[in-house]
Amino acid sequence: MRFDFKDKTVLVVGLGKSGIAAAEALLKQGAKVTVYDRKQEGEMEPTLVQFFKNQKADCCFGEHPADLTRFEFLVMSPGVPLDTPFVAKAAELGAKLISEVELAYLMSDCKYAAITGTNGKTTTTTLTGEIFQAAGRYSEIVGNVGVAVVSKAVAVPASAWMITECSSFQLETTHEFHPAVSAILNITPDHMNRHKTMENYAAAKARVFANQTESDYAVLNKDDPETWKLAAGCRAEVVPFSRKEELDFGAYVKDGVIVIRDKQGIVWEICKAEDLIIPGAHNLENALAAAAMAFFSGIGSDVIGKTLREFQGVEHRMEFVDEIDGVRFVNDSKGTNPDASIKALEAIDGGIVLIAGGYDKGSDYEELIGAFQGKVKAMMLLGKTAPKIQEAALKAGFTNITLCRNMEECVKKGFAAARPGDTVLLSPACASWDMYTCFEQRGEHFKECVNKLAE
């Protein structure tokens, strides 16, 4: 344990998965905890409310605490912007704003492998975790994948590894977080409604290696200009990966084989690129990053190669759902920004009926429409961004667009527009928060709608 929160006054802001786990861990350590959620008490899960009351936590539902002077720490939900007035006021009064990732780091002594980037985080984190587990390393796959870091970190021995997916929202309130190995997969425009500029967004991502030293490793995408620019400010040993060029050091593809060249110049073969089950150039990049993280954490090339060849991918990311009358249905609900959806389009062969739209994060959709390349035959749009995406499509001359009220209508009309050999692809290019609580719920609903078609 790096820091003892006993008797510290802490406000936990937001009671999602990470907030609940943070509050529970703090209460167990003897902190004086106040929990806040913008929902009214009547909208909260009654057993959760009763739990916190039984634990003598102060509860503020629907309204933030009136007295902000008493808090030493605010544990921030990723979904709450730091410029929220009462949060900014608390910081001004001296409270330290920390993420649940930072809290977990301070509460435990285990090792961290941290992965961030605009796209591919969940796939790479899961793949890296599976490699570590295949190598016999005690490890947990945590973070933005849906498992609160602190829920595992406080329950494992110091020798354990936390394979941690980190979002920009989680990283912007880290201060001491120090992974032994980190990775930045790519940086493309996302969350501009919150970060305002690409510089701010990239700076948040770069916090993943801010506390690393010369004895640590930072795995960076050499093919991505925004990511590679950050290498200059990194004190850790930078390990580049590239699917486009041969490297003097790092992970790359040579004659169709994923390889790693170490500092001694020895080239280690991992596996053939064509042996990957997960499709697309973006997944080749994810595999390179995971292989590099594992290799420079001391895991053998044979274990890495075997795991890469067997890895099936993750739910809600290019997940095959069903084939009905020759039409394939693919769930890419994890595609929450235009760049992620572009990568999904590139990974599919044949005609595509695209289901897109959702919560507006301030994204621009011109590049998404430009990536259709004649592959997208029709587009079904839903959610708040539907008119915005339609406007971008019409401006580019794409007119086969249907505005739908809900997912059921998207799936039915998408199937009607498809022909044998086509793929109906849910890849929204937007967050889910206008119609769903999370992208997982959206993906599950899509799968339910497809299953009803098959009945």
Protein backbone atom coordinates (compact mmCIF):
# COMPACT_ATOMS: atom_id res chain seq x y z
CA MET A 1 0.00 0.00 0.00
CA ARG A 2 1.49 3.31 -1.12
CA PHE A 3 -0.94 5.58 0.75
CA ASP A 4 -3.25 5.08 3.74
CA PHE A 5 -6.67 6.69 3.37
CA LYS A 6 -7.70 6.00 6.97
CA ASP A 7 -9.56 9.03 8.38
CA LYS A 8 -9.12 10.96 5.11
CA THR A 9 -12.24 12.82 3.97
CA VAL A 10 -13.17 11.67 0.47
CA LEU A 11 -16.03 12.56 -1.85
CA VAL A 12 -16.77 9.85 -4.42
CA VAL A 13 -18.31 11.61 -7.44
CA GLY A 14 -20.60 9.32 -9.45
CA LEU A 15 -21.80 5.85 -8.50
CA GLY A 16 -21.14 3.79 -11.59
CA LYS A 17 -19.07 0.61 -11.36
CA SER A 18 -15.83 2.41 -10.59
CA GLY A 19 -17.42 4.79 -8.09
CA ILE A 20 -19.09 2.01 -6.13
CA ALA A 21 -15.86 0.00 -6.02
CA ALA A 22 -13.88 3.08 -4.96
CA ALA A 23 -16.30 3.89 -2.15
CA GLU A 24 -16.28 0.29 -0.87
CA ALA A 25 -12.47 0.16 -0.85
CA LEU A 26 -12.21 3.51 0.93
CA LEU A 27 -14.75 2.49 3.58
CA LYS A 28 -12.82 -0.72 4.26
CA GLN A 29 -9.66 1.32 4.75
CA GLY A 30 -11.40 3.60 7.26
CA ALA A 31 -11.80 6.73 5.18
CA LYS A 32 -14.57 9.22 5.93
CA VAL A 33 -16.58 8.78 2.76
CA THR A 34 -19.30 10.85 1.14
CA VAL A 35 -20.94 9.44 -1.98
CA TYR A 36 -22.61 11.65 -4.58
CA ASP A 37 -24.68 10.86 -7.64
CA ARG A 38 -26.78 13.24 -9.71
CA LYS A 39 -29.70 10.80 -9.56
CA GLN A 40 -32.31 11.29 -6.88
CA GLU A 41 -32.37 8.70 -4.09
CA GLY A 42 -35.58 7.22 -5.51
CA GLU A 43 -33.79 6.55 -8.81
CA MET A 44 -30.91 4.69 -7.14
CA GLU A 45 -30.78 0.95 -6.47
CA PRO A 46 -32.33 0.67 -2.96
CA THR A 47 -29.91 -2.01 -1.76
CA LEU A 48 -26.97 0.19 -2.79
CA VAL A 49 -28.35 3.18 -0.90
CA GLN A 50 -28.96 1.03 2.17
CA PHE A 51 -25.44 -0.41 1.98
CA PHE A 52 -23.83 3.02 2.10
CA LYS A 53 -26.12 4.17 4.91
CA ASN A 54 -25.28 1.03 6.90
CA GLN A 55 -21.59 1.80 6.36
CA LYS A 56 -22.12 5.29 7.81
CA ALA A 57 -21.19 6.99 4.56
CA ASP A 58 -22.73 10.41 3.96
CA CYS A 59 -25.10 10.17 0.99
CA CYS A 60 -25.86 13.03 -1.40
CA PHE A 61 -28.28 12.13 -4.19
CA GLY A 62 -29.52 14.66 -6.71
CA GLU A 63 -27.53 17.46 -5.10
CA HIS A 64 -23.82 17.79 -4.36
CA PRO A 65 -22.60 18.42 -0.78
CA ALA A 66 -23.10 22.01 0.34
CA ASP A 67 -19.83 22.13 2.30
CA LEU A 68 -16.94 21.39 -0.06
CA THR A 69 -14.23 22.68 2.29
CA ARG A 70 -14.01 19.42 4.23
CA PHE A 71 -12.85 17.14 1.41
CA GLU A 72 -9.20 16.20 0.97
CA PHE A 73 -9.88 14.05 -2.10
CA LEU A 74 -12.50 13.75 -4.83
CA VAL A 75 -12.55 10.38 -6.62
CA MET A 76 -13.90 11.27 -10.03
CA SER A 77 -16.19 9.19 -12.21
CA PRO A 78 -14.82 9.20 -15.79
CA GLY A 79 -18.15 10.59 -16.97
CA VAL A 80 -17.97 13.78 -14.87
CA PRO A 81 -16.05 16.66 -16.50
CA LEU A 82 -13.44 18.35 -14.34
CA ASP A 83 -14.93 21.77 -15.12
CA THR A 84 -18.25 20.83 -13.47
CA PRO A 85 -18.78 23.85 -11.16
CA PHE A 86 -18.81 22.08 -7.80
CA VAL A 87 -15.81 19.92 -8.81
CA ALA A 88 -13.83 22.97 -9.89
CA LYS A 89 -14.81 24.72 -6.65
CA ALA A 90 -13.65 21.77 -4.52
CA ALA A 91 -10.31 21.76 -6.36
CA GLU A 92 -9.98 25.49 -5.81
CA LEU A 93 -10.53 24.88 -2.08
CA GLY A 94 -7.65 22.40 -2.02
CA ALA A 95 -9.21 19.01 -2.71
CA LYS A 96 -7.11 16.66 -4.86
CA LEU A 97 -8.96 15.22 -7.83
CA ILE A 98 -8.04 11.59 -8.50
CA SER A 99 -9.38 8.84 -10.73
CA GLU A 100 -10.31 5.35 -9.58
CA VAL A 101 -7.19 4.13 -11.44
CA GLU A 102 -5.04 6.45 -9.32
CA LEU A 103 -6.85 5.32 -6.17
CA ALA A 104 -6.18 1.67 -7.00
CA TYR A 105 -2.50 2.42 -7.59
CA LEU A 106 -2.20 4.21 -4.25
CA MET A 107 -4.04 1.44 -2.39
CA SER A 108 -1.99 -1.49 -3.72
CA ASP A 109 1.59 -2.58 -4.42
CA CYS A 110 0.96 -4.71 -7.52
CA LYS A 111 2.47 -4.10 -10.96
CA TYR A 112 0.69 -2.36 -13.80
CA ALA A 113 0.63 -2.76 -17.56
CA ALA A 114 -1.43 0.17 -18.86
CA ILE A 115 -2.95 0.53 -22.32
CA THR A 116 -4.51 3.65 -23.79
CA GLY A 117 -5.33 5.09 -27.23
CA THR A 118 -8.39 6.20 -29.13
CA ASN A 119 -9.20 2.78 -30.56
CA GLY A 120 -8.23 -0.82 -29.88
CA LYS A 121 -7.82 -0.44 -26.11
CA THR A 122 -10.20 -3.19 -25.06
CA THR A 123 -8.95 -5.70 -27.62
CA THR A 124 -5.29 -5.01 -26.79
CA THR A 125 -5.88 -5.05 -23.03
CA THR A 126 -7.76 -8.33 -23.20
CA LEU A 127 -5.17 -9.90 -25.51
CA THR A 128 -2.28 -8.71 -23.32
CA GLY A 129 -4.02 -10.08 -20.24
CA GLU A 130 -4.54 -13.45 -21.90
CA ILE A 131 -0.84 -13.61 -22.82
CA PHE A 132 0.16 -12.86 -19.22
CA GLN A 133 -2.23 -15.50 -17.94
CA ALA A 134 -1.01 -18.06 -20.49
CA ALA A 135 2.52 -17.38 -19.22
CA GLY A 136 1.43 -18.22 -15.67
CA ARG A 137 1.58 -14.63 -14.44
CA TYR A 138 -0.96 -13.78 -11.73
CA SER A 139 -2.87 -11.04 -13.54
CA GLU A 140 -6.26 -9.33 -13.76
CA ILE A 141 -7.78 -7.60 -16.80
CA VAL A 142 -9.25 -4.36 -15.45
CA GLY A 143 -10.07 -0.71 -16.07
CA ASN A 144 -12.13 0.68 -18.90
CA VAL A 145 -12.91 -2.90 -20.01
CA GLY A 146 -15.67 -2.85 -17.36
CA VAL A 147 -13.92 -4.12 -14.20
CA ALA A 148 -13.00 -1.50 -11.61
CA VAL A 149 -9.25 -1.55 -11.03
CA VAL A 150 -9.51 -1.02 -7.28
CA SER A 151 -11.90 -3.97 -6.86
CA LYS A 152 -9.07 -6.32 -7.89
CA ALA A 153 -5.97 -4.37 -6.86
CA VAL A 154 -6.78 -4.41 -3.14
CA ALA A 155 -7.40 -8.17 -3.20
CA VAL A 156 -4.25 -9.48 -4.92
CA PRO A 157 -0.63 -10.01 -3.82
CA ALA A 158 2.07 -7.48 -4.66
CA SER A 159 3.42 -9.83 -7.34
CA ALA A 160 0.19 -9.60 -9.35
CA TRP A 161 -0.14 -7.65 -12.60
CA MET A 162 -3.06 -5.33 -13.30
CA ILE A 163 -3.50 -5.30 -17.09
CA THR A 164 -5.32 -1.99 -17.25
CA GLU A 165 -7.28 -0.26 -19.99
CA CYS A 166 -7.09 3.49 -19.38
CA SER A 167 -9.29 6.14 -20.97
CA SER A 168 -8.25 9.77 -21.32
CA PHE A 169 -10.86 10.64 -18.68
CA GLN A 170 -9.22 8.27 -16.19
CA LEU A 171 -5.70 9.39 -17.00
CA GLU A 172 -6.29 13.14 -16.68
CA THR A 173 -6.63 12.75 -12.89
CA THR A 174 -3.64 10.47 -12.33
CA HIS A 175 -0.69 11.95 -10.44
CA GLU A 176 1.50 9.09 -9.16
CA PHE A 177 0.27 6.24 -11.38
CA HIS A 178 3.39 4.41 -12.55
CA PRO A 179 3.01 1.35 -14.79
CA ALA A 180 6.01 -0.88 -15.45
CA VAL A 181 4.97 -1.07 -19.10
CA SER A 182 2.58 1.21 -20.97
CA ALA A 183 1.21 1.50 -24.49
CA ILE A 184 -0.39 4.20 -26.61
CA LEU A 185 -2.05 2.57 -29.61
CA ASN A 186 -3.18 5.60 -31.63
CA ILE A 187 -4.56 9.10 -31.22
CA THR A 188 -7.38 10.35 -33.45
CA PRO A 189 -10.06 12.98 -32.72
CA ASP A 190 -12.45 11.86 -29.96
CA HIS A 191 -14.18 13.41 -26.96
CA MET A 192 -13.63 16.89 -28.38
CA ASN A 193 -16.70 18.07 -26.46
CA ARG A 194 -14.69 17.45 -23.29
CA HIS A 195 -11.01 17.91 -24.17
CA LYS A 196 -11.67 20.84 -26.56
CA THR A 197 -8.39 20.40 -28.51
CA MET A 198 -6.29 17.55 -29.85
CA GLU A 199 -3.36 18.88 -27.82
CA ASN A 200 -5.34 18.48 -24.58
CA TYR A 201 -6.51 15.02 -25.62
CA ALA A 202 -2.99 13.84 -26.51
CA ALA A 203 -1.64 15.29 -23.26
CA ALA A 204 -4.20 13.26 -21.29
CA LYS A 205 -3.12 10.09 -23.12
CA ALA A 206 0.55 10.86 -22.48
CA ARG A 207 -0.07 10.76 -18.74
CA VAL A 208 0.07 6.98 -19.04
CA PHE A 209 3.88 7.22 -19.12
CA ALA A 210 4.33 10.49 -17.19
CA ASN A 211 5.84 8.78 -14.13
CA GLN A 212 7.75 6.05 -15.90
CA THR A 213 11.56 5.96 -15.66
CA GLU A 214 14.41 4.62 -17.75
CA SER A 215 13.85 1.12 -16.34
CA ASP A 216 10.27 1.00 -17.68
CA TYR A 217 8.91 0.43 -21.20
CA ALA A 218 6.50 2.54 -23.27
CA VAL A 219 5.13 0.86 -26.40
CA LEU A 220 4.19 3.44 -29.05
CA ASN A 221 2.70 3.24 -32.55
CA LYS A 222 5.40 4.35 -35.00
CA ASP A 223 2.84 4.47 -37.84
CA ASP A 224 0.60 7.01 -36.06
CA PRO A 225 2.03 10.57 -36.22
CA GLU A 226 0.11 11.92 -33.20
CA THR A 227 1.27 9.02 -31.05
CA TRP A 228 4.86 9.01 -32.24
CA LYS A 229 5.21 12.74 -31.50
CA LEU A 230 4.83 11.88 -27.83
CA ALA A 231 7.96 9.72 -27.83
CA ALA A 232 10.16 12.80 -27.45
CA GLY A 233 8.68 13.53 -24.02
CA CYS A 234 8.92 9.96 -22.70
CA ARG A 235 11.60 8.99 -20.15
CA ALA A 236 10.86 5.26 -20.39
CA GLU A 237 12.52 2.98 -22.94
CA VAL A 238 10.37 3.60 -26.03
CA VAL A 239 9.44 0.41 -27.87
CA PRO A 240 8.02 1.24 -31.32
CA PHE A 241 5.66 -1.02 -33.20
CA SER A 242 4.83 -0.82 -36.90
CA ARG A 243 2.91 -2.84 -39.44
CA LYS A 244 4.36 -0.73 -42.28
CA GLU A 245 8.13 -0.70 -41.84
CA GLU A 246 11.00 -2.82 -40.56
CA LEU A 247 12.49 -1.51 -37.32
CA ASP A 248 15.94 -1.62 -35.78
CA PHE A 249 14.22 -2.22 -32.43
CA GLY A 250 10.62 -3.11 -31.53
CA ALA A 251 7.69 -5.09 -32.99
CA TYR A 252 6.96 -5.20 -36.70
CA VAL A 253 5.95 -7.43 -39.62
CA LYS A 254 8.63 -9.07 -41.75
CA ASP A 255 7.70 -11.25 -44.72
CA GLY A 256 4.20 -11.71 -43.30
CA VAL A 257 5.46 -12.69 -39.83
CA ILE A 258 5.04 -10.72 -36.60
CA VAL A 259 8.53 -10.35 -35.11
CA ILE A 260 10.26 -8.51 -32.28
CA ARG A 261 13.83 -7.23 -32.53
CA ASP A 262 15.41 -6.82 -29.10
CA LYS A 263 18.20 -4.42 -28.02
CA GLN A 264 20.86 -6.96 -28.98
CA GLY A 265 19.48 -7.05 -32.52
CA ILE A 266 18.10 -10.58 -32.17
CA VAL A 267 14.87 -11.09 -34.13
CA TRP A 268 12.25 -13.24 -32.40
CA GLU A 269 9.46 -14.71 -34.52
CA ILE A 270 6.02 -14.56 -32.89
CA CYS A 271 3.51 -15.87 -35.44
CA LYS A 272 2.32 -15.32 -38.99
CA ALA A 273 0.10 -12.26 -39.41
CA GLU A 274 -2.38 -14.38 -41.38
CA ASP A 275 -2.76 -16.68 -38.36
CA LEU A 276 -4.58 -13.98 -36.40
CA ILE A 277 -8.28 -14.77 -36.05
CA ILE A 278 -9.23 -11.15 -35.38
CA PRO A 279 -9.64 -9.35 -38.73
CA GLY A 280 -8.30 -6.06 -40.08
CA ALA A 281 -5.13 -3.99 -40.17
CA HIS A 282 -6.10 -2.31 -36.90
CA ASN A 283 -6.12 -5.69 -35.15
CA LEU A 284 -2.66 -6.45 -36.53
CA GLU A 285 -1.53 -3.24 -34.81
CA ASN A 286 -3.26 -4.34 -31.59
CA ALA A 287 -1.46 -7.70 -31.79
CA LEU A 288 1.91 -5.99 -32.31
CA ALA A 289 1.35 -3.78 -29.28
CA ALA A 290 0.26 -6.67 -27.05
CA ALA A 291 3.20 -8.79 -28.21
CA ALA A 292 5.66 -5.98 -27.45
CA MET A 293 4.19 -5.33 -23.99
CA ALA A 294 4.39 -9.01 -23.10
CA PHE A 295 7.86 -9.58 -24.57
CA PHE A 296 9.44 -6.63 -22.74
CA SER A 297 7.75 -7.81 -19.54
CA GLY A 298 9.78 -10.98 -19.86
CA ILE A 299 7.30 -13.37 -21.50
CA GLY A 300 8.63 -15.81 -24.10
CA SER A 301 7.90 -15.53 -27.81
CA ASP A 302 6.39 -19.02 -27.94
CA VAL A 303 3.70 -18.18 -25.36
CA ILE A 304 2.97 -14.87 -27.08
CA GLY A 305 2.62 -16.52 -30.50
CA LYS A 306 0.35 -19.30 -29.25
CA THR A 307 -1.99 -16.81 -27.55
CA LEU A 308 -2.12 -14.55 -30.61
CA ARG A 309 -3.07 -17.49 -32.82
CA GLU A 310 -5.87 -18.55 -30.45
CA PHE A 311 -7.33 -15.16 -29.50
CA GLN A 312 -10.99 -14.86 -30.58
CA GLY A 313 -11.50 -11.13 -29.96
CA VAL A 314 -13.81 -9.35 -27.52
CA GLU A 315 -17.54 -8.94 -27.28
CA HIS A 316 -19.02 -5.88 -29.05
CA ARG A 317 -15.90 -5.38 -31.19
CA MET A 318 -16.35 -6.85 -34.69
CA GLU A 319 -18.34 -9.66 -33.07
CA PHE A 320 -20.05 -12.03 -35.48
CA VAL A 321 -23.69 -12.43 -34.38
CA ASP A 322 -25.47 -14.54 -37.01
CA GLU A 323 -25.99 -15.18 -40.69
CA ILE A 324 -29.58 -15.08 -41.97
CA ASP A 325 -30.41 -15.90 -45.61
CA GLY A 326 -26.80 -15.21 -46.57
CA VAL A 327 -26.64 -11.85 -44.75
CA ARG A 328 -24.05 -11.55 -41.96
CA PHE A 329 -24.70 -9.46 -38.84
CA VAL A 330 -21.71 -7.97 -37.01
CA ASN A 331 -21.82 -6.18 -33.66
CA ASP A 332 -19.26 -3.38 -33.39
CA SER A 333 -21.05 -1.37 -30.70
CA LYS A 334 -17.59 -0.59 -29.28
CA GLY A 335 -17.08 1.62 -32.34
CA THR A 336 -17.86 4.84 -30.44
CA ASN A 337 -16.02 7.31 -32.70
CA PRO A 338 -15.63 7.77 -36.48
CA ASP A 339 -12.10 6.37 -36.64
CA ALA A 340 -13.17 3.14 -34.93
CA SER A 341 -16.02 2.74 -37.41
CA ILE A 342 -13.69 3.43 -40.35
CA LYS A 343 -11.47 0.57 -39.16
CA ALA A 344 -14.53 -1.69 -38.96
CA LEU A 345 -15.54 -0.81 -42.53
CA GLU A 346 -12.00 -1.55 -43.74
CA ALA A 347 -12.03 -4.97 -42.07
CA ILE A 348 -15.16 -6.22 -43.88
CA ASP A 349 -15.19 -7.66 -47.37
CA GLY A 350 -18.28 -7.24 -49.54
CA GLY A 351 -21.26 -4.89 -49.35
CA ILE A 352 -22.19 -3.23 -46.06
CA VAL A 353 -25.41 -1.89 -44.60
CA LEU A 354 -24.21 0.39 -41.82
CA ILE A 355 -26.16 1.14 -38.62
CA ALA A 356 -24.76 4.31 -37.04
CA GLY A 357 -25.64 7.21 -34.78
CA GLY A 358 -25.93 7.97 -31.09
CA TYR A 359 -24.68 10.51 -28.56
CA ASP A 360 -22.77 13.48 -29.95
CA LYS A 361 -19.18 13.81 -28.66
CA GLY A 362 -18.44 16.68 -31.01
CA SER A 363 -17.09 14.46 -33.79
CA ASP A 364 -16.92 15.25 -37.48
CA TYR A 365 -18.34 12.60 -39.83
CA GLU A 366 -16.96 13.64 -43.22
CA GLU A 367 -14.02 11.23 -42.98
CA LEU A 368 -16.38 8.38 -42.05
CA ILE A 369 -18.50 8.98 -45.16
CA GLY A 370 -15.34 9.28 -47.24
CA ALA A 371 -14.30 5.81 -46.10
CA PHE A 372 -17.39 4.18 -47.62
CA GLN A 373 -15.42 3.61 -50.86
CA GLY A 374 -18.46 2.10 -52.57
CA LYS A 375 -18.66 -0.68 -49.95
CA VAL A 376 -21.51 0.86 -47.94
CA LYS A 377 -24.75 0.31 -49.86
CA ALA A 378 -27.17 1.80 -47.34
CA MET A 379 -27.11 3.49 -43.96
CA MET A 380 -29.60 3.22 -41.09
CA LEU A 381 -29.30 6.11 -38.63
CA LEU A 382 -30.63 6.50 -35.10
CA GLY A 383 -30.02 8.68 -32.07
CA LYS A 384 -29.17 12.34 -31.59
CA THR A 385 -26.45 12.44 -34.23
CA ALA A 386 -28.62 10.98 -37.00
CA PRO A 387 -29.34 14.38 -38.65
CA LYS A 388 -25.66 15.40 -38.36
CA ILE A 389 -24.42 12.19 -40.01
CA GLN A 390 -27.13 12.45 -42.66
CA GLU A 391 -26.05 16.00 -43.48
CA ALA A 392 -22.41 14.90 -43.92
CA ALA A 393 -23.50 11.98 -46.12
CA LEU A 394 -25.76 14.06 -48.36
CA LYS A 395 -23.02 16.65 -48.74
CA ALA A 396 -20.72 13.87 -50.00
CA GLY A 397 -23.37 12.59 -52.40
CA PHE A 398 -24.43 9.48 -50.43
CA THR A 399 -28.23 9.38 -50.42
CA ASN A 400 -29.34 5.85 -49.46
CA ILE A 401 -30.13 6.84 -45.88
CA THR A 402 -32.98 5.80 -43.58
CA LEU A 403 -33.68 7.60 -40.31
CA CYS A 404 -34.93 5.08 -37.74
CA ARG A 405 -36.66 5.50 -34.39
CA ASN A 406 -34.90 2.64 -32.61
CA MET A 407 -32.60 -0.36 -32.96
CA GLU A 408 -35.42 -2.73 -33.91
CA GLU A 409 -36.27 -0.60 -36.92
CA CYS A 410 -32.59 -0.30 -37.88
CA VAL A 411 -32.13 -4.07 -37.87
CA LYS A 412 -35.35 -4.84 -39.76
CA LYS A 413 -34.81 -2.19 -42.44
CA GLY A 414 -31.09 -2.98 -42.60
CA PHE A 415 -31.87 -6.63 -43.30
CA ALA A 416 -34.41 -5.64 -45.95
CA ALA A 417 -31.78 -3.47 -47.68
CA ALA A 418 -29.12 -6.22 -47.64
CA ARG A 419 -28.54 -8.99 -50.16
CA PRO A 420 -26.86 -12.39 -49.73
CA GLY A 421 -23.14 -11.79 -49.21
CA ASP A 422 -23.70 -8.42 -47.54
CA THR A 423 -23.00 -7.52 -43.90
CA VAL A 424 -25.31 -5.54 -41.65
CA LEU A 425 -22.79 -3.77 -39.43
CA LEU A 426 -23.60 -1.98 -36.19
CA SER A 427 -20.70 0.45 -35.84
CA PRO A 428 -22.27 3.66 -34.50
CA ALA A 429 -19.27 6.06 -34.65
CA CYS A 430 -20.86 7.62 -31.56
CA ALA A 431 -21.25 7.00 -27.85
CA SER A 432 -24.41 5.29 -26.63
CA TRP A 433 -25.50 7.62 -23.85
CA ASP A 434 -28.50 9.17 -25.61
CA MET A 435 -30.41 5.87 -25.78
CA TYR A 436 -28.42 3.37 -23.69
CA THR A 437 -26.45 3.37 -20.45
CA CYS A 438 -23.35 1.96 -22.18
CA PHE A 439 -22.12 0.52 -25.47
CA GLU A 440 -22.49 -3.00 -24.03
CA GLN A 441 -26.23 -2.51 -23.54
CA ARG A 442 -26.51 -1.17 -27.10
CA GLY A 443 -24.64 -4.19 -28.47
CA GLU A 444 -26.79 -6.62 -26.50
CA HIS A 445 -29.94 -4.95 -27.83
CA PHE A 446 -28.62 -5.25 -31.39
CA LYS A 447 -28.01 -8.97 -30.85
CA GLU A 448 -31.50 -9.42 -29.41
CA CYS A 449 -33.00 -7.73 -32.47
CA VAL A 450 -30.99 -9.98 -34.80
CA ASN A 451 -32.06 -13.07 -32.87
CA LYS A 452 -35.72 -12.07 -33.28
CA LEU A 453 -35.17 -11.87 -37.05
CA ALA A 454 -33.86 -15.42 -37.03
CA GLU A 455 -36.88 -16.82 -35.16
